[in-house]
Amino acid sequence: MVIPPPVKPPRLTNFLKPYVLKLHFTNKFVNAQVIHSPTATVASSASSQEKALRPSMESTRDVAAAGKIGKILAERLLSKNIPAVSVFLKREQKYHGKIKAVIDSLREGGVKLL
């Protein structure tokens, strides 16, 4: 059974940033999702687990793979007419290494960060 997310009042959704970038790193893969926060659905995603991307990468977990995931995600966002996203980082995530590579390649791809 699927429980829908609670409906937020429209006054509150006007002040929320509608598209949020969330990053997840494992020991093997890099995952990036852009979530539409008012509806709690995934607007676009990119991962180094995708079979189409694996042959073009040497490693699926390093900084170069994170940069490539950022470029692919930027292309997918612009094709869906999503020009800007806000970044959600957990407390232990710092703007360094893989996170910096994803965010910088998103910027280079033409997506604005709020």
N, C-alpha and C. Protein backbone atom coordinates (compact mmCIF):
# COMPACT_ATOMS: atom_id res chain seq x y z
N MET A 1 0.84 -1.17 0.00
CA MET A 1 0.00 0.00 0.00
C MET A 1 0.89 1.25 0.00
N VAL A 2 0.58 2.16 -0.87
CA VAL A 2 1.37 3.39 -1.00
C VAL A 2 0.64 4.51 -0.28
N ILE A 3 1.33 5.16 0.64
CA ILE A 3 0.75 6.27 1.39
C ILE A 3 1.24 7.56 0.76
N PRO A 4 0.34 8.42 0.26
CA PRO A 4 0.79 9.67 -0.34
C PRO A 4 1.36 10.61 0.71
N PRO A 5 2.29 11.48 0.29
CA PRO A 5 2.86 12.42 1.25
C PRO A 5 1.80 13.41 1.71
N PRO A 6 1.96 13.96 2.90
CA PRO A 6 0.98 14.94 3.38
C PRO A 6 0.99 16.19 2.51
N VAL A 7 -0.17 16.73 2.29
CA VAL A 7 -0.30 17.92 1.45
C VAL A 7 0.06 19.14 2.28
N LYS A 8 0.99 19.93 1.75
CA LYS A 8 1.42 21.14 2.44
C LYS A 8 0.50 22.28 2.02
N PRO A 9 0.23 23.22 2.89
CA PRO A 9 -0.60 24.35 2.50
C PRO A 9 0.06 25.16 1.39
N PRO A 10 -0.73 25.73 0.48
CA PRO A 10 -0.13 26.45 -0.65
C PRO A 10 0.73 27.63 -0.23
N ARG A 11 0.42 28.24 0.90
CA ARG A 11 1.21 29.36 1.37
C ARG A 11 2.64 28.92 1.66
N LEU A 12 2.79 27.70 2.18
CA LEU A 12 4.11 27.19 2.52
C LEU A 12 4.89 26.78 1.27
N THR A 13 4.22 26.19 0.28
CA THR A 13 4.93 25.73 -0.90
C THR A 13 5.45 26.89 -1.75
N ASN A 14 4.90 28.08 -1.59
CA ASN A 14 5.42 29.23 -2.33
C ASN A 14 6.82 29.60 -1.88
N PHE A 15 7.16 29.32 -0.62
CA PHE A 15 8.47 29.70 -0.09
C PHE A 15 9.48 28.57 -0.16
N LEU A 16 9.02 27.34 -0.44
CA LEU A 16 9.96 26.24 -0.57
C LEU A 16 10.66 26.30 -1.92
N LYS A 17 11.86 25.80 -1.95
CA LYS A 17 12.56 25.70 -3.22
C LYS A 17 12.05 24.42 -3.90
N PRO A 18 11.49 24.55 -5.09
CA PRO A 18 10.76 23.40 -5.64
C PRO A 18 11.62 22.21 -6.03
N TYR A 19 12.83 22.42 -6.52
CA TYR A 19 13.67 21.30 -6.95
C TYR A 19 14.91 21.23 -6.07
N VAL A 20 15.14 20.08 -5.48
CA VAL A 20 16.23 19.89 -4.54
C VAL A 20 17.15 18.77 -5.04
N LEU A 21 18.45 19.04 -5.09
CA LEU A 21 19.44 18.04 -5.48
C LEU A 21 19.89 17.28 -4.25
N LYS A 22 19.79 15.96 -4.30
CA LYS A 22 20.27 15.12 -3.20
C LYS A 22 21.29 14.15 -3.76
N LEU A 23 22.39 14.01 -3.06
CA LEU A 23 23.50 13.16 -3.49
C LEU A 23 23.66 12.00 -2.54
N HIS A 24 24.01 10.84 -3.11
CA HIS A 24 24.26 9.66 -2.28
C HIS A 24 25.48 8.94 -2.84
N PHE A 25 26.42 8.64 -1.98
CA PHE A 25 27.65 7.98 -2.38
C PHE A 25 27.78 6.67 -1.63
N THR A 26 28.08 5.59 -2.36
CA THR A 26 28.39 4.32 -1.72
C THR A 26 29.85 4.01 -2.03
N ASN A 27 30.31 2.86 -1.57
CA ASN A 27 31.70 2.48 -1.85
C ASN A 27 31.91 2.13 -3.31
N LYS A 28 30.82 1.88 -4.05
CA LYS A 28 30.96 1.49 -5.45
C LYS A 28 30.37 2.49 -6.44
N PHE A 29 29.36 3.25 -6.03
CA PHE A 29 28.62 4.06 -7.00
C PHE A 29 28.36 5.47 -6.51
N VAL A 30 28.01 6.34 -7.48
CA VAL A 30 27.62 7.73 -7.21
C VAL A 30 26.20 7.90 -7.71
N ASN A 31 25.30 8.42 -6.88
CA ASN A 31 23.91 8.63 -7.25
C ASN A 31 23.54 10.09 -7.01
N ALA A 32 22.77 10.66 -7.94
CA ALA A 32 22.28 12.03 -7.80
C ALA A 32 20.82 12.06 -8.22
N GLN A 33 19.98 12.69 -7.40
CA GLN A 33 18.55 12.80 -7.69
C GLN A 33 18.13 14.24 -7.53
N VAL A 34 17.21 14.68 -8.37
CA VAL A 34 16.57 15.98 -8.20
C VAL A 34 15.12 15.70 -7.86
N ILE A 35 14.69 16.17 -6.69
CA ILE A 35 13.36 15.86 -6.17
C ILE A 35 12.50 17.11 -6.24
N HIS A 36 11.27 16.95 -6.74
CA HIS A 36 10.30 18.04 -6.74
C HIS A 36 9.63 18.02 -5.37
N SER A 37 9.98 18.97 -4.51
CA SER A 37 9.58 18.89 -3.11
C SER A 37 8.08 19.05 -2.85
N PRO A 38 7.30 19.86 -3.58
CA PRO A 38 5.87 19.93 -3.28
C PRO A 38 5.14 18.61 -3.50
N THR A 39 5.55 17.83 -4.50
CA THR A 39 4.88 16.55 -4.76
C THR A 39 5.68 15.36 -4.26
N ALA A 40 6.89 15.57 -3.77
CA ALA A 40 7.76 14.51 -3.26
C ALA A 40 8.00 13.42 -4.29
N THR A 41 8.25 13.83 -5.54
CA THR A 41 8.57 12.87 -6.60
C THR A 41 9.94 13.19 -7.18
N VAL A 42 10.54 12.19 -7.79
CA VAL A 42 11.85 12.37 -8.41
C VAL A 42 11.66 12.98 -9.79
N ALA A 43 12.21 14.16 -10.00
CA ALA A 43 12.10 14.85 -11.29
C ALA A 43 13.11 14.29 -12.28
N SER A 44 14.32 14.02 -11.82
CA SER A 44 15.36 13.48 -12.68
C SER A 44 16.44 12.85 -11.81
N SER A 45 17.15 11.89 -12.39
CA SER A 45 18.22 11.24 -11.62
C SER A 45 19.30 10.76 -12.57
N ALA A 46 20.47 10.55 -12.01
CA ALA A 46 21.60 9.97 -12.74
C ALA A 46 22.42 9.16 -11.76
N SER A 47 22.94 8.05 -12.23
CA SER A 47 23.70 7.17 -11.36
C SER A 47 24.80 6.49 -12.16
N SER A 48 25.89 6.16 -11.48
CA SER A 48 26.96 5.42 -12.14
C SER A 48 26.61 3.94 -12.22
N GLN A 49 25.46 3.53 -11.71
CA GLN A 49 25.00 2.14 -11.82
C GLN A 49 24.34 1.87 -13.17
N GLU A 50 23.97 2.90 -13.91
CA GLU A 50 23.27 2.71 -15.17
C GLU A 50 24.16 1.96 -16.16
N LYS A 51 23.58 0.95 -16.79
CA LYS A 51 24.35 0.09 -17.69
C LYS A 51 24.89 0.85 -18.90
N ALA A 52 24.17 1.86 -19.35
CA ALA A 52 24.63 2.63 -20.51
C ALA A 52 25.87 3.46 -20.18
N LEU A 53 26.05 3.82 -18.92
CA LEU A 53 27.17 4.69 -18.54
C LEU A 53 28.42 3.92 -18.12
N ARG A 54 28.26 2.70 -17.64
CA ARG A 54 29.40 1.97 -17.09
C ARG A 54 30.56 1.77 -18.06
N PRO A 55 30.30 1.41 -19.34
CA PRO A 55 31.46 1.21 -20.24
C PRO A 55 32.28 2.48 -20.49
N SER A 56 31.65 3.66 -20.38
CA SER A 56 32.38 4.89 -20.67
C SER A 56 33.17 5.40 -19.47
N MET A 57 33.04 4.75 -18.31
CA MET A 57 33.77 5.19 -17.11
C MET A 57 34.83 4.15 -16.74
N GLU A 58 35.98 4.65 -16.30
CA GLU A 58 37.01 3.73 -15.81
C GLU A 58 36.61 3.18 -14.45
N SER A 59 36.22 4.08 -13.56
CA SER A 59 35.77 3.70 -12.22
C SER A 59 34.42 4.33 -11.98
N THR A 60 33.55 3.64 -11.24
CA THR A 60 32.21 4.16 -10.99
C THR A 60 32.10 4.90 -9.67
N ARG A 61 33.22 5.11 -8.99
CA ARG A 61 33.13 5.72 -7.66
C ARG A 61 34.06 6.89 -7.40
N ASP A 62 34.87 7.27 -8.37
CA ASP A 62 35.85 8.32 -8.10
C ASP A 62 35.32 9.71 -8.50
N VAL A 63 36.17 10.71 -8.40
CA VAL A 63 35.78 12.09 -8.66
C VAL A 63 35.42 12.29 -10.13
N ALA A 64 36.12 11.61 -11.02
CA ALA A 64 35.82 11.74 -12.45
C ALA A 64 34.42 11.19 -12.76
N ALA A 65 34.05 10.09 -12.12
CA ALA A 65 32.70 9.54 -12.31
C ALA A 65 31.65 10.50 -11.76
N ALA A 66 31.94 11.15 -10.65
CA ALA A 66 31.00 12.11 -10.07
C ALA A 66 30.82 13.30 -11.01
N GLY A 67 31.89 13.76 -11.64
CA GLY A 67 31.79 14.85 -12.60
C GLY A 67 30.95 14.47 -13.81
N LYS A 68 31.13 13.24 -14.29
CA LYS A 68 30.35 12.78 -15.44
C LYS A 68 28.87 12.65 -15.08
N ILE A 69 28.57 12.21 -13.87
CA ILE A 69 27.18 12.10 -13.41
C ILE A 69 26.56 13.50 -13.36
N GLY A 70 27.31 14.50 -12.91
CA GLY A 70 26.81 15.88 -12.88
C GLY A 70 26.49 16.40 -14.28
N LYS A 71 27.34 16.10 -15.27
CA LYS A 71 27.09 16.54 -16.64
C LYS A 71 25.84 15.89 -17.20
N ILE A 72 25.69 14.60 -16.96
CA ILE A 72 24.52 13.87 -17.47
C ILE A 72 23.25 14.38 -16.81
N LEU A 73 23.31 14.64 -15.51
CA LEU A 73 22.14 15.15 -14.80
C LEU A 73 21.77 16.54 -15.30
N ALA A 74 22.76 17.37 -15.60
CA ALA A 74 22.48 18.72 -16.14
C ALA A 74 21.76 18.62 -17.48
N GLU A 75 22.21 17.71 -18.35
CA GLU A 75 21.53 17.53 -19.64
C GLU A 75 20.08 17.09 -19.45
N ARG A 76 19.87 16.17 -18.53
CA ARG A 76 18.51 15.67 -18.29
C ARG A 76 17.61 16.73 -17.69
N LEU A 77 18.16 17.57 -16.82
CA LEU A 77 17.36 18.64 -16.22
C LEU A 77 16.97 19.68 -17.26
N LEU A 78 17.91 20.06 -18.09
CA LEU A 78 17.61 21.07 -19.10
C LEU A 78 16.64 20.54 -20.15
N SER A 79 16.67 19.24 -20.43
CA SER A 79 15.71 18.68 -21.38
C SER A 79 14.30 18.65 -20.80
N LYS A 80 14.19 18.65 -19.47
CA LYS A 80 12.89 18.68 -18.81
C LYS A 80 12.49 20.10 -18.39
N ASN A 81 13.21 21.09 -18.87
CA ASN A 81 12.95 22.51 -18.58
C ASN A 81 13.01 22.82 -17.08
N ILE A 82 14.02 22.30 -16.41
CA ILE A 82 14.27 22.63 -15.01
C ILE A 82 15.58 23.43 -14.99
N PRO A 83 15.50 24.77 -14.92
CA PRO A 83 16.71 25.59 -15.05
C PRO A 83 17.51 25.75 -13.77
N ALA A 84 16.88 25.52 -12.59
CA ALA A 84 17.59 25.79 -11.34
C ALA A 84 17.20 24.77 -10.28
N VAL A 85 18.17 24.42 -9.43
CA VAL A 85 17.93 23.51 -8.31
C VAL A 85 18.62 24.06 -7.07
N SER A 86 18.16 23.63 -5.92
CA SER A 86 18.86 23.95 -4.69
C SER A 86 19.54 22.67 -4.21
N VAL A 87 20.63 22.82 -3.50
CA VAL A 87 21.43 21.67 -3.08
C VAL A 87 21.14 21.37 -1.62
N PHE A 88 20.87 20.11 -1.33
CA PHE A 88 20.65 19.67 0.05
C PHE A 88 21.81 18.77 0.43
N LEU A 89 22.64 19.22 1.37
CA LEU A 89 23.75 18.42 1.85
C LEU A 89 23.51 18.01 3.29
N LYS A 90 23.84 16.78 3.60
CA LYS A 90 23.73 16.32 4.98
C LYS A 90 24.82 16.98 5.81
N ARG A 91 24.72 16.83 7.10
CA ARG A 91 25.67 17.50 7.99
C ARG A 91 27.11 17.07 7.73
N GLU A 92 27.32 15.79 7.46
CA GLU A 92 28.69 15.31 7.28
C GLU A 92 29.22 15.54 5.86
N GLN A 93 28.36 15.99 4.94
CA GLN A 93 28.81 16.24 3.57
C GLN A 93 29.33 17.67 3.45
N LYS A 94 30.55 17.79 2.96
CA LYS A 94 31.16 19.10 2.77
C LYS A 94 31.36 19.33 1.28
N TYR A 95 31.47 20.59 0.91
CA TYR A 95 31.70 20.96 -0.49
C TYR A 95 33.15 20.66 -0.83
N HIS A 96 33.41 19.38 -1.13
CA HIS A 96 34.78 18.93 -1.34
C HIS A 96 34.73 17.60 -2.09
N GLY A 97 35.69 17.35 -2.93
CA GLY A 97 35.83 16.05 -3.58
C GLY A 97 34.72 15.75 -4.56
N LYS A 98 34.03 14.62 -4.35
CA LYS A 98 32.98 14.16 -5.27
C LYS A 98 31.81 15.13 -5.30
N ILE A 99 31.46 15.69 -4.16
CA ILE A 99 30.33 16.62 -4.10
C ILE A 99 30.65 17.87 -4.91
N LYS A 100 31.86 18.36 -4.78
CA LYS A 100 32.28 19.52 -5.55
C LYS A 100 32.28 19.21 -7.04
N ALA A 101 32.69 18.00 -7.41
CA ALA A 101 32.72 17.62 -8.83
C ALA A 101 31.32 17.60 -9.42
N VAL A 102 30.35 17.05 -8.69
CA VAL A 102 28.97 16.99 -9.18
C VAL A 102 28.40 18.40 -9.33
N ILE A 103 28.56 19.21 -8.31
CA ILE A 103 27.97 20.55 -8.31
C ILE A 103 28.63 21.44 -9.37
N ASP A 104 29.95 21.37 -9.52
CA ASP A 104 30.63 22.17 -10.53
C ASP A 104 30.24 21.76 -11.94
N SER A 105 30.08 20.45 -12.17
CA SER A 105 29.68 20.02 -13.52
C SER A 105 28.23 20.37 -13.81
N LEU A 106 27.39 20.44 -12.77
CA LEU A 106 26.02 20.93 -12.97
C LEU A 106 26.05 22.39 -13.40
N ARG A 107 26.89 23.20 -12.74
CA ARG A 107 27.02 24.61 -13.11
C ARG A 107 27.52 24.77 -14.54
N GLU A 108 28.53 23.97 -14.90
CA GLU A 108 29.08 24.05 -16.25
C GLU A 108 28.06 23.61 -17.30
N GLY A 109 27.15 22.71 -16.90
CA GLY A 109 26.11 22.24 -17.81
C GLY A 109 25.00 23.23 -18.04
N GLY A 110 24.96 24.32 -17.25
CA GLY A 110 23.97 25.35 -17.48
C GLY A 110 22.84 25.39 -16.46
N VAL A 111 22.94 24.59 -15.40
CA VAL A 111 21.92 24.60 -14.36
C VAL A 111 22.33 25.59 -13.28
N LYS A 112 21.41 26.45 -12.87
CA LYS A 112 21.70 27.41 -11.81
C LYS A 112 21.45 26.76 -10.46
N LEU A 113 22.25 27.13 -9.48
CA LEU A 113 22.09 26.62 -8.12
C LEU A 113 21.57 27.73 -7.24
N LEU A 114 20.52 27.42 -6.49
CA LEU A 114 19.91 28.42 -5.60
C LEU A 114 20.51 28.33 -4.21
